[in-house]
PDB file of N, CA and C in Angstrom:
ATOM      1  N   UNK A   1       6.505 -39.381 -40.803  1.00  0.00           N
ATOM      2  CA  UNK A   1       6.622 -39.087 -39.476  1.00  0.00           C
ATOM      3  C   UNK A   1       5.534 -39.933 -38.727  1.00  0.00           C
ATOM      4  N   UNK A   2       5.732 -40.182 -37.441  1.00  0.00           N
ATOM      5  CA  UNK A   2       4.796 -40.928 -36.590  1.00  0.00           C
ATOM      6  C   UNK A   2       4.145 -39.847 -35.589  1.00  0.00           C
ATOM      7  N   UNK A   3       3.028 -39.945 -35.508  1.00  0.00           N
ATOM      8  CA  UNK A   3       2.294 -39.131 -34.681  1.00  0.00           C
ATOM      9  C   UNK A   3       1.554 -39.831 -33.623  1.00  0.00           C
ATOM     10  N   UNK A   4       1.570 -39.608 -32.289  1.00  0.00           N
ATOM     11  CA  UNK A   4       0.688 -40.201 -31.147  1.00  0.00           C
ATOM     12  C   UNK A   4      -0.107 -39.167 -30.903  1.00  0.00           C
ATOM     13  N   UNK A   5      -1.542 -39.358 -31.060  1.00  0.00           N
ATOM     14  CA  UNK A   5      -2.514 -38.411 -30.947  1.00  0.00           C
ATOM     15  C   UNK A   5      -2.918 -38.555 -29.617  1.00  0.00           C
ATOM     16  N   UNK A   6      -3.158 -37.227 -28.859  1.00  0.00           N
ATOM     17  CA  UNK A   6      -3.903 -37.128 -27.723  1.00  0.00           C
ATOM     18  C   UNK A   6      -5.329 -36.592 -28.255  1.00  0.00           C
ATOM     19  N   UNK A   7      -6.297 -36.506 -27.291  1.00  0.00           N
ATOM     20  CA  UNK A   7      -7.764 -36.171 -27.805  1.00  0.00           C
ATOM     21  C   UNK A   7      -7.798 -34.716 -28.308  1.00  0.00           C
ATOM     22  N   UNK A   8      -6.852 -33.849 -27.831  1.00  0.00           N
ATOM     23  CA  UNK A   8      -6.748 -32.391 -28.223  1.00  0.00           C
ATOM     24  C   UNK A   8      -6.526 -32.332 -29.725  1.00  0.00           C
ATOM     25  N   UNK A   9      -5.829 -33.286 -30.417  1.00  0.00           N
ATOM     26  CA  UNK A   9      -5.554 -33.230 -31.776  1.00  0.00           C
ATOM     27  C   UNK A   9      -6.773 -33.169 -32.500  1.00  0.00           C
ATOM     28  N   UNK A  10      -7.688 -33.620 -32.283  1.00  0.00           N
ATOM     29  CA  UNK A  10      -9.059 -33.654 -33.014  1.00  0.00           C
ATOM     30  C   UNK A  10      -9.974 -32.534 -32.345  1.00  0.00           C
ATOM     31  N   UNK A  11      -9.972 -32.384 -31.094  1.00  0.00           N
ATOM     32  CA  UNK A  11     -10.750 -31.597 -30.175  1.00  0.00           C
ATOM     33  C   UNK A  11     -10.450 -29.963 -30.555  1.00  0.00           C
ATOM     34  N   UNK A  12      -9.264 -29.720 -30.679  1.00  0.00           N
ATOM     35  CA  UNK A  12      -8.887 -28.495 -30.787  1.00  0.00           C
ATOM     36  C   UNK A  12      -8.568 -28.040 -32.158  1.00  0.00           C
ATOM     37  N   UNK A  13      -8.747 -28.900 -33.173  1.00  0.00           N
ATOM     38  CA  UNK A  13      -8.264 -28.558 -34.540  1.00  0.00           C
ATOM     39  C   UNK A  13      -9.414 -28.983 -35.507  1.00  0.00           C
ATOM     40  N   UNK A  14     -10.383 -28.311 -35.899  1.00  0.00           N
ATOM     41  CA  UNK A  14     -11.308 -28.760 -36.754  1.00  0.00           C
ATOM     42  C   UNK A  14     -10.852 -29.069 -38.203  1.00  0.00           C
ATOM     43  N   UNK A  15      -9.817 -28.535 -38.492  1.00  0.00           N
ATOM     44  CA  UNK A  15      -9.332 -28.807 -39.820  1.00  0.00           C
ATOM     45  C   UNK A  15      -8.179 -29.884 -39.796  1.00  0.00           C
ATOM     46  N   UNK A  16      -8.188 -30.920 -38.783  1.00  0.00           N
ATOM     47  CA  UNK A  16      -7.254 -31.846 -38.677  1.00  0.00           C
ATOM     48  C   UNK A  16      -7.433 -32.912 -39.933  1.00  0.00           C
ATOM     49  N   UNK A  17      -6.439 -33.478 -40.427  1.00  0.00           N
ATOM     50  CA  UNK A  17      -6.622 -34.496 -41.369  1.00  0.00           C
ATOM     51  C   UNK A  17      -5.607 -35.541 -41.203  1.00  0.00           C
ATOM     52  N   UNK A  18      -5.851 -36.660 -41.671  1.00  0.00           N
ATOM     53  CA  UNK A  18      -4.819 -37.738 -41.489  1.00  0.00           C
ATOM     54  C   UNK A  18      -4.169 -37.843 -42.845  1.00  0.00           C
ATOM     55  N   UNK A  19      -2.954 -37.506 -42.887  1.00  0.00           N
ATOM     56  CA  UNK A  19      -2.113 -37.506 -44.042  1.00  0.00           C
ATOM     57  C   UNK A  19      -1.517 -38.891 -44.252  1.00  0.00           C
ATOM     58  N   UNK A  20      -1.533 -39.341 -45.715  1.00  0.00           N
ATOM     59  CA  UNK A  20      -1.226 -40.620 -45.954  1.00  0.00           C
ATOM     60  C   UNK A  20       0.305 -40.805 -45.605  1.00  0.00           C
ATOM     61  N   UNK A  21       1.073 -39.948 -45.746  1.00  0.00           N
ATOM     62  CA  UNK A  21       2.543 -40.024 -45.600  1.00  0.00           C
ATOM     63  C   UNK A  21       2.890 -40.349 -44.171  1.00  0.00           C
ATOM     64  N   UNK A  22       2.001 -40.222 -43.145  1.00  0.00           N
ATOM     65  CA  UNK A  22       2.211 -40.228 -41.884  1.00  0.00           C
ATOM     66  C   UNK A  22       1.590 -41.416 -41.298  1.00  0.00           C
ATOM     67  N   UNK A  23       1.984 -41.751 -39.956  1.00  0.00           N
ATOM     68  CA  UNK A  23       1.393 -42.948 -39.264  1.00  0.00           C
ATOM     69  C   UNK A  23       0.933 -42.277 -38.064  1.00  0.00           C
ATOM     70  N   UNK A  24      -0.247 -42.702 -37.736  1.00  0.00           N
ATOM     71  CA  UNK A  24      -0.874 -42.002 -36.552  1.00  0.00           C
ATOM     72  C   UNK A  24      -1.352 -43.048 -35.615  1.00  0.00           C
ATOM     73  N   UNK A  25      -1.129 -43.004 -34.262  1.00  0.00           N
ATOM     74  CA  UNK A  25      -1.421 -43.914 -33.075  1.00  0.00           C
ATOM     75  C   UNK A  25      -2.083 -43.093 -32.132  1.00  0.00           C
ATOM     76  N   UNK A  26      -2.997 -43.922 -31.436  1.00  0.00           N
ATOM     77  CA  UNK A  26      -3.685 -43.437 -30.326  1.00  0.00           C
ATOM     78  C   UNK A  26      -4.066 -44.524 -29.357  1.00  0.00           C
ATOM     79  N   UNK A  27      -4.511 -44.357 -28.251  1.00  0.00           N
ATOM     80  CA  UNK A  27      -4.969 -45.256 -27.262  1.00  0.00           C
ATOM     81  C   UNK A  27      -6.582 -45.456 -27.246  1.00  0.00           C
ATOM     82  N   UNK A  28      -6.875 -46.682 -26.836  1.00  0.00           N
ATOM     83  CA  UNK A  28      -8.501 -46.659 -26.695  1.00  0.00           C
ATOM     84  C   UNK A  28      -9.100 -45.621 -25.749  1.00  0.00           C
ATOM     85  N   UNK A  29      -8.335 -45.307 -24.750  1.00  0.00           N
ATOM     86  CA  UNK A  29      -9.002 -44.362 -23.859  1.00  0.00           C
ATOM     87  C   UNK A  29      -9.196 -42.876 -24.634  1.00  0.00           C
ATOM     88  N   UNK A  30      -8.063 -42.636 -25.391  1.00  0.00           N
ATOM     89  CA  UNK A  30      -8.297 -41.312 -26.140  1.00  0.00           C
ATOM     90  C   UNK A  30      -9.238 -41.474 -27.241  1.00  0.00           C
ATOM     91  N   UNK A  31      -9.345 -42.643 -27.851  1.00  0.00           N
ATOM     92  CA  UNK A  31     -10.297 -42.848 -28.901  1.00  0.00           C
ATOM     93  C   UNK A  31     -11.805 -42.568 -28.455  1.00  0.00           C
ATOM     94  N   UNK A  32     -11.893 -43.085 -27.232  1.00  0.00           N
ATOM     95  CA  UNK A  32     -13.292 -42.843 -26.653  1.00  0.00           C
ATOM     96  C   UNK A  32     -13.752 -41.482 -25.982  1.00  0.00           C
ATOM     97  N   UNK A  33     -12.519 -40.621 -26.158  1.00  0.00           N
ATOM     98  CA  UNK A  33     -12.921 -39.113 -25.769  1.00  0.00           C
ATOM     99  C   UNK A  33     -13.290 -38.421 -26.970  1.00  0.00           C
ATOM    100  N   UNK A  34     -13.180 -38.847 -28.220  1.00  0.00           N
ATOM    101  CA  UNK A  34     -13.613 -38.240 -29.454  1.00  0.00           C
ATOM    102  C   UNK A  34     -15.294 -38.632 -29.694  1.00  0.00           C
ATOM    103  N   UNK A  35     -16.077 -37.691 -29.111  1.00  0.00           N
ATOM    104  CA  UNK A  35     -17.601 -38.035 -28.885  1.00  0.00           C
ATOM    105  C   UNK A  35     -18.363 -37.144 -29.814  1.00  0.00           C
ATOM    106  N   UNK A  36     -17.823 -36.053 -30.379  1.00  0.00           N
ATOM    107  CA  UNK A  36     -18.840 -35.327 -31.205  1.00  0.00           C
ATOM    108  C   UNK A  36     -18.866 -36.067 -32.562  1.00  0.00           C
ATOM    109  N   UNK A  37     -19.834 -35.721 -33.203  1.00  0.00           N
ATOM    110  CA  UNK A  37     -20.221 -36.533 -34.428  1.00  0.00           C
ATOM    111  C   UNK A  37     -19.040 -36.374 -35.422  1.00  0.00           C
ATOM    112  N   UNK A  38     -18.526 -35.116 -35.585  1.00  0.00           N
ATOM    113  CA  UNK A  38     -17.283 -34.869 -36.574  1.00  0.00           C
ATOM    114  C   UNK A  38     -16.020 -35.554 -36.260  1.00  0.00           C
ATOM    115  N   UNK A  39     -15.755 -35.438 -35.013  1.00  0.00           N
ATOM    116  CA  UNK A  39     -14.691 -36.007 -34.400  1.00  0.00           C
ATOM    117  C   UNK A  39     -14.688 -37.591 -34.633  1.00  0.00           C
ATOM    118  N   UNK A  40     -15.735 -38.072 -34.050  1.00  0.00           N
ATOM    119  CA  UNK A  40     -15.965 -39.590 -34.142  1.00  0.00           C
ATOM    120  C   UNK A  40     -15.832 -40.036 -35.572  1.00  0.00           C
ATOM    121  N   UNK A  41     -16.619 -39.382 -36.531  1.00  0.00           N
ATOM    122  CA  UNK A  41     -16.581 -39.862 -37.932  1.00  0.00           C
ATOM    123  C   UNK A  41     -15.244 -39.761 -38.414  1.00  0.00           C
ATOM    124  N   UNK A  42     -14.457 -38.861 -38.168  1.00  0.00           N
ATOM    125  CA  UNK A  42     -13.152 -38.677 -38.763  1.00  0.00           C
ATOM    126  C   UNK A  42     -12.236 -39.759 -38.075  1.00  0.00           C
ATOM    127  N   UNK A  43     -12.330 -40.043 -36.816  1.00  0.00           N
ATOM    128  CA  UNK A  43     -11.492 -41.083 -36.254  1.00  0.00           C
ATOM    129  C   UNK A  43     -11.879 -42.267 -36.680  1.00  0.00           C
ATOM    130  N   UNK A  44     -13.198 -42.734 -36.806  1.00  0.00           N
ATOM    131  CA  UNK A  44     -13.697 -43.997 -37.253  1.00  0.00           C
ATOM    132  C   UNK A  44     -13.222 -44.387 -38.719  1.00  0.00           C
ATOM    133  N   UNK A  45     -13.256 -43.298 -39.633  1.00  0.00           N
ATOM    134  CA  UNK A  45     -12.961 -43.527 -40.980  1.00  0.00           C
ATOM    135  C   UNK A  45     -11.387 -43.629 -41.053  1.00  0.00           C
ATOM    136  N   UNK A  46     -10.714 -42.939 -40.221  1.00  0.00           N
ATOM    137  CA  UNK A  46      -9.291 -43.287 -40.258  1.00  0.00           C
ATOM    138  C   UNK A  46      -8.898 -44.493 -39.906  1.00  0.00           C
ATOM    139  N   UNK A  47      -9.469 -44.933 -38.799  1.00  0.00           N
ATOM    140  CA  UNK A  47      -9.321 -46.245 -38.203  1.00  0.00           C
ATOM    141  C   UNK A  47      -9.856 -47.514 -39.401  1.00  0.00           C
ATOM    142  N   UNK A  48     -10.803 -47.215 -40.006  1.00  0.00           N
ATOM    143  CA  UNK A  48     -11.259 -48.166 -41.165  1.00  0.00           C
ATOM    144  C   UNK A  48     -10.266 -48.207 -42.385  1.00  0.00           C
ATOM    145  N   UNK A  49      -9.648 -47.069 -42.595  1.00  0.00           N
ATOM    146  CA  UNK A  49      -8.776 -46.974 -43.864  1.00  0.00           C
ATOM    147  C   UNK A  49      -7.286 -47.303 -43.361  1.00  0.00           C
ATOM    148  N   UNK A  50      -7.217 -47.499 -42.106  1.00  0.00           N
ATOM    149  CA  UNK A  50      -5.808 -47.907 -41.582  1.00  0.00           C
ATOM    150  C   UNK A  50      -4.713 -46.634 -41.552  1.00  0.00           C
ATOM    151  N   UNK A  51      -5.414 -45.532 -41.553  1.00  0.00           N
ATOM    152  CA  UNK A  51      -4.726 -44.459 -41.355  1.00  0.00           C
ATOM    153  C   UNK A  51      -4.434 -44.186 -39.929  1.00  0.00           C
ATOM    154  N   UNK A  52      -5.201 -44.771 -38.903  1.00  0.00           N
ATOM    155  CA  UNK A  52      -4.994 -44.598 -37.428  1.00  0.00           C
ATOM    156  C   UNK A  52      -4.917 -46.000 -36.915  1.00  0.00           C
ATOM    157  N   UNK A  53      -4.113 -46.227 -35.953  1.00  0.00           N
ATOM    158  CA  UNK A  53      -3.964 -47.355 -35.157  1.00  0.00           C
ATOM    159  C   UNK A  53      -4.263 -47.031 -33.674  1.00  0.00           C
ATOM    160  N   UNK A  54      -5.104 -48.020 -33.167  1.00  0.00           N
ATOM    161  CA  UNK A  54      -5.428 -47.938 -31.710  1.00  0.00           C
ATOM    162  C   UNK A  54      -4.334 -48.882 -31.121  1.00  0.00           C
ATOM    163  N   UNK A  55      -3.442 -48.524 -30.155  1.00  0.00           N
ATOM    164  CA  UNK A  55      -2.401 -49.381 -29.560  1.00  0.00           C
ATOM    165  C   UNK A  55      -2.548 -48.826 -28.123  1.00  0.00           C
ATOM    166  N   UNK A  56      -2.871 -49.790 -27.162  1.00  0.00           N
ATOM    167  CA  UNK A  56      -2.786 -49.535 -25.709  1.00  0.00           C
ATOM    168  C   UNK A  56      -1.468 -50.043 -25.253  1.00  0.00           C
ATOM    169  N   UNK A  57      -0.839 -49.076 -24.386  1.00  0.00           N
ATOM    170  CA  UNK A  57       0.419 -49.443 -23.684  1.00  0.00           C
ATOM    171  C   UNK A  57       0.403 -50.741 -22.781  1.00  0.00           C
ATOM    172  N   UNK A  58       1.481 -51.327 -22.657  1.00  0.00           N
ATOM    173  CA  UNK A  58       1.561 -52.412 -21.840  1.00  0.00           C
ATOM    174  C   UNK A  58       1.371 -51.996 -20.246  1.00  0.00           C
ATOM    175  N   UNK A  59       0.995 -52.938 -19.423  1.00  0.00           N
ATOM    176  CA  UNK A  59       1.023 -52.489 -18.126  1.00  0.00           C
ATOM    177  C   UNK A  59       2.378 -52.039 -17.358  1.00  0.00           C
ATOM    178  N   UNK A  60       3.406 -52.360 -17.853  1.00  0.00           N
ATOM    179  CA  UNK A  60       4.661 -51.873 -17.436  1.00  0.00           C
ATOM    180  C   UNK A  60       4.934 -50.559 -17.660  1.00  0.00           C
ATOM    181  N   UNK A  61       4.498 -50.080 -18.782  1.00  0.00           N
ATOM    182  CA  UNK A  61       4.775 -48.786 -19.289  1.00  0.00           C
ATOM    183  C   UNK A  61       3.767 -47.877 -18.419  1.00  0.00           C
ATOM    184  N   UNK A  62       2.570 -48.279 -18.241  1.00  0.00           N
ATOM    185  CA  UNK A  62       1.593 -47.569 -17.185  1.00  0.00           C
ATOM    186  C   UNK A  62       2.255 -47.472 -16.056  1.00  0.00           C
ATOM    187  N   UNK A  63       2.844 -48.522 -15.417  1.00  0.00           N
ATOM    188  CA  UNK A  63       3.320 -48.526 -14.158  1.00  0.00           C
ATOM    189  C   UNK A  63       4.554 -47.288 -13.999  1.00  0.00           C
ATOM    190  N   UNK A  64       5.368 -47.459 -15.123  1.00  0.00           N
ATOM    191  CA  UNK A  64       6.529 -46.410 -15.129  1.00  0.00           C
ATOM    192  C   UNK A  64       5.875 -45.016 -15.088  1.00  0.00           C
ATOM    193  N   UNK A  65       4.826 -44.897 -15.699  1.00  0.00           N
ATOM    194  CA  UNK A  65       4.424 -43.609 -16.037  1.00  0.00           C
ATOM    195  C   UNK A  65       3.747 -43.234 -14.598  1.00  0.00           C
ATOM    196  N   UNK A  66       2.978 -44.012 -14.017  1.00  0.00           N
ATOM    197  CA  UNK A  66       2.323 -43.702 -12.776  1.00  0.00           C
ATOM    198  C   UNK A  66       3.564 -43.469 -11.608  1.00  0.00           C
ATOM    199  N   UNK A  67       4.460 -44.025 -11.743  1.00  0.00           N
ATOM    200  CA  UNK A  67       5.701 -43.967 -10.796  1.00  0.00           C
ATOM    201  C   UNK A  67       6.339 -42.472 -10.984  1.00  0.00           C
ATOM    202  N   UNK A  68       6.608 -42.118 -12.184  1.00  0.00           N
ATOM    203  CA  UNK A  68       7.272 -40.914 -12.565  1.00  0.00           C
ATOM    204  C   UNK A  68       6.221 -39.717 -12.119  1.00  0.00           C
ATOM    205  N   UNK A  69       5.018 -39.926 -12.526  1.00  0.00           N
ATOM    206  CA  UNK A  69       3.969 -38.965 -12.046  1.00  0.00           C
ATOM    207  C   UNK A  69       4.093 -38.692 -10.350  1.00  0.00           C
ATOM    208  N   UNK A  70       3.873 -39.715  -9.736  1.00  0.00           N
ATOM    209  CA  UNK A  70       3.900 -39.790  -8.348  1.00  0.00           C
ATOM    210  C   UNK A  70       5.351 -39.137  -7.769  1.00  0.00           C
ATOM    211  N   UNK A  71       6.342 -39.400  -8.261  1.00  0.00           N
ATOM    212  CA  UNK A  71       7.632 -38.673  -8.024  1.00  0.00           C
ATOM    213  C   UNK A  71       7.577 -37.163  -8.298  1.00  0.00           C
ATOM    214  N   UNK A  72       7.030 -36.784  -9.446  1.00  0.00           N
ATOM    215  CA  UNK A  72       6.946 -35.428  -9.556  1.00  0.00           C
ATOM    216  C   UNK A  72       5.831 -34.599  -9.143  1.00  0.00           C
ATOM    217  N   UNK A  73       4.784 -35.363  -8.454  1.00  0.00           N
ATOM    218  CA  UNK A  73       3.518 -34.771  -8.101  1.00  0.00           C
ATOM    219  C   UNK A  73       2.619 -34.371  -9.263  1.00  0.00           C
ATOM    220  N   UNK A  74       2.748 -35.019 -10.267  1.00  0.00           N
ATOM    221  CA  UNK A  74       1.932 -34.599 -11.549  1.00  0.00           C
ATOM    222  C   UNK A  74       0.651 -35.480 -11.433  1.00  0.00           C
ATOM    223  N   UNK A  75      -0.477 -34.884 -11.881  1.00  0.00           N
ATOM    224  CA  UNK A  75      -1.677 -35.539 -11.794  1.00  0.00           C
ATOM    225  C   UNK A  75      -2.009 -35.527 -13.126  1.00  0.00           C
ATOM    226  N   UNK A  76      -2.351 -36.883 -13.628  1.00  0.00           N
ATOM    227  CA  UNK A  76      -2.876 -37.065 -15.004  1.00  0.00           C
ATOM    228  C   UNK A  76      -4.151 -38.074 -15.063  1.00  0.00           C
ATOM    229  N   UNK A  77      -4.927 -37.773 -15.856  1.00  0.00           N
ATOM    230  CA  UNK A  77      -6.164 -38.665 -16.081  1.00  0.00           C
ATOM    231  C   UNK A  77      -5.759 -39.914 -16.784  1.00  0.00           C
ATOM    232  N   UNK A  78      -6.535 -40.792 -16.863  1.00  0.00           N
ATOM    233  CA  UNK A  78      -6.269 -42.217 -17.444  1.00  0.00           C
ATOM    234  C   UNK A  78      -5.929 -42.012 -18.966  1.00  0.00           C
ATOM    235  N   UNK A  79      -6.502 -41.300 -19.760  1.00  0.00           N
ATOM    236  CA  UNK A  79      -6.177 -41.017 -20.991  1.00  0.00           C
ATOM    237  C   UNK A  79      -4.808 -40.429 -21.198  1.00  0.00           C
ATOM    238  N   UNK A  80      -4.505 -39.550 -20.467  1.00  0.00           N
ATOM    239  CA  UNK A  80      -3.124 -38.808 -20.713  1.00  0.00           C
ATOM    240  C   UNK A  80      -2.056 -39.890 -20.216  1.00  0.00           C
ATOM    241  N   UNK A  81      -2.395 -40.583 -19.142  1.00  0.00           N
ATOM    242  CA  UNK A  81      -1.428 -41.631 -18.768  1.00  0.00           C
ATOM    243  C   UNK A  81      -1.114 -42.749 -19.897  1.00  0.00           C
ATOM    244  N   UNK A  82      -2.316 -43.081 -20.519  1.00  0.00           N
ATOM    245  CA  UNK A  82      -2.015 -44.020 -21.653  1.00  0.00           C
ATOM    246  C   UNK A  82      -1.264 -43.342 -22.662  1.00  0.00           C
ATOM    247  N   UNK A  83      -1.346 -42.080 -23.008  1.00  0.00           N
ATOM    248  CA  UNK A  83      -0.612 -41.528 -24.120  1.00  0.00           C
ATOM    249  C   UNK A  83       0.901 -41.397 -23.696  1.00  0.00           C
ATOM    250  N   UNK A  84       1.082 -40.896 -22.481  1.00  0.00           N
ATOM    251  CA  UNK A  84       2.512 -40.914 -21.961  1.00  0.00           C
ATOM    252  C   UNK A  84       3.191 -42.333 -21.936  1.00  0.00           C
ATOM    253  N   UNK A  85       2.445 -43.312 -21.465  1.00  0.00           N
ATOM    254  CA  UNK A  85       3.012 -44.575 -21.441  1.00  0.00           C
ATOM    255  C   UNK A  85       3.326 -45.246 -22.904  1.00  0.00           C
ATOM    256  N   UNK A  86       2.315 -44.937 -23.847  1.00  0.00           N
ATOM    257  CA  UNK A  86       2.610 -45.387 -25.223  1.00  0.00           C
ATOM    258  C   UNK A  86       3.899 -44.665 -25.702  1.00  0.00           C
ATOM    259  N   UNK A  87       3.989 -43.308 -25.445  1.00  0.00           N
ATOM    260  CA  UNK A  87       5.288 -42.613 -25.926  1.00  0.00           C
ATOM    261  C   UNK A  87       6.450 -43.258 -25.286  1.00  0.00           C
ATOM    262  N   UNK A  88       6.405 -43.706 -24.068  1.00  0.00           N
ATOM    263  CA  UNK A  88       7.674 -44.460 -23.412  1.00  0.00           C
ATOM    264  C   UNK A  88       8.020 -45.608 -24.281  1.00  0.00           C
ATOM    265  N   UNK A  89       6.875 -46.349 -24.751  1.00  0.00           N
ATOM    266  CA  UNK A  89       7.175 -47.474 -25.692  1.00  0.00           C
ATOM    267  C   UNK A  89       7.818 -47.429 -26.901  1.00  0.00           C
ATOM    268  N   UNK A  90       7.347 -46.235 -27.636  1.00  0.00           N
ATOM    269  CA  UNK A  90       7.827 -45.825 -28.796  1.00  0.00           C
ATOM    270  C   UNK A  90       9.211 -45.353 -28.578  1.00  0.00           C
ATOM    271  N   UNK A  91       9.518 -44.589 -27.447  1.00  0.00           N
ATOM    272  CA  UNK A  91      10.919 -44.001 -27.311  1.00  0.00           C
ATOM    273  C   UNK A  91      11.897 -45.312 -27.014  1.00  0.00           C
ATOM    274  N   UNK A  92      11.443 -46.390 -26.303  1.00  0.00           N
ATOM    275  CA  UNK A  92      12.114 -47.458 -25.762  1.00  0.00           C
ATOM    276  C   UNK A  92      12.567 -48.447 -27.021  1.00  0.00           C
ATOM    277  N   UNK A  93      11.655 -48.193 -28.187  1.00  0.00           N
ATOM    278  CA  UNK A  93      11.909 -49.009 -29.377  1.00  0.00           C
ATOM    279  C   UNK A  93      12.895 -47.953 -30.403  1.00  0.00           C
ATOM    280  N   UNK A  94      13.097 -46.815 -29.910  1.00  0.00           N
ATOM    281  CA  UNK A  94      13.968 -46.032 -30.790  1.00  0.00           C
ATOM    282  C   UNK A  94      13.381 -45.295 -31.966  1.00  0.00           C
ATOM    283  N   UNK A  95      11.915 -45.267 -31.781  1.00  0.00           N
ATOM    284  CA  UNK A  95      11.157 -44.591 -32.832  1.00  0.00           C
ATOM    285  C   UNK A  95      11.064 -43.057 -32.562  1.00  0.00           C
ATOM    286  N   UNK A  96      11.128 -42.495 -33.598  1.00  0.00           N
ATOM    287  CA  UNK A  96      11.046 -40.873 -33.559  1.00  0.00           C
ATOM    288  C   UNK A  96       9.664 -40.572 -33.940  1.00  0.00           C
ATOM    289  N   UNK A  97       8.977 -39.692 -32.982  1.00  0.00           N
ATOM    290  CA  UNK A  97       7.548 -39.452 -33.056  1.00  0.00           C
ATOM    291  C   UNK A  97       7.298 -38.085 -32.535  1.00  0.00           C
ATOM    292  N   UNK A  98       6.075 -37.547 -32.790  1.00  0.00           N
ATOM    293  CA  UNK A  98       5.558 -36.378 -32.027  1.00  0.00           C
ATOM    294  C   UNK A  98       4.193 -36.615 -31.466  1.00  0.00           C
ATOM    295  N   UNK A  99       4.135 -36.203 -30.274  1.00  0.00           N
ATOM    296  CA  UNK A  99       2.812 -36.130 -29.664  1.00  0.00           C
ATOM    297  C   UNK A  99       2.070 -35.079 -29.909  1.00  0.00           C
ATOM    298  N   UNK A 100       0.946 -35.373 -30.435  1.00  0.00           N
ATOM    299  CA  UNK A 100       0.124 -34.255 -30.861  1.00  0.00           C
ATOM    300  C   UNK A 100      -1.405 -34.093 -30.106  1.00  0.00           C
TER     301      UNK A 100
END
């Protein structure tokens, strides 16, 4: 399974683990939100072992996300926008994934 990780995946789950059978993606904005020692260590180890991939969305996906947010009156921070935009890219590629 493919998981796109928001900051809450590690922030709200102290027992979170990166399972080898899955693929995990996040954005650089989300990665920078993992600041506690344990979260940062877990994320950096996952990155070093290729269990986690940092992938930032393209500007067009960010633009689409910002437009949809403006239309709906939704206010999101930059990290959340990056996760939604990355999800748009995965969906457009026909990938099945879960945002966690």
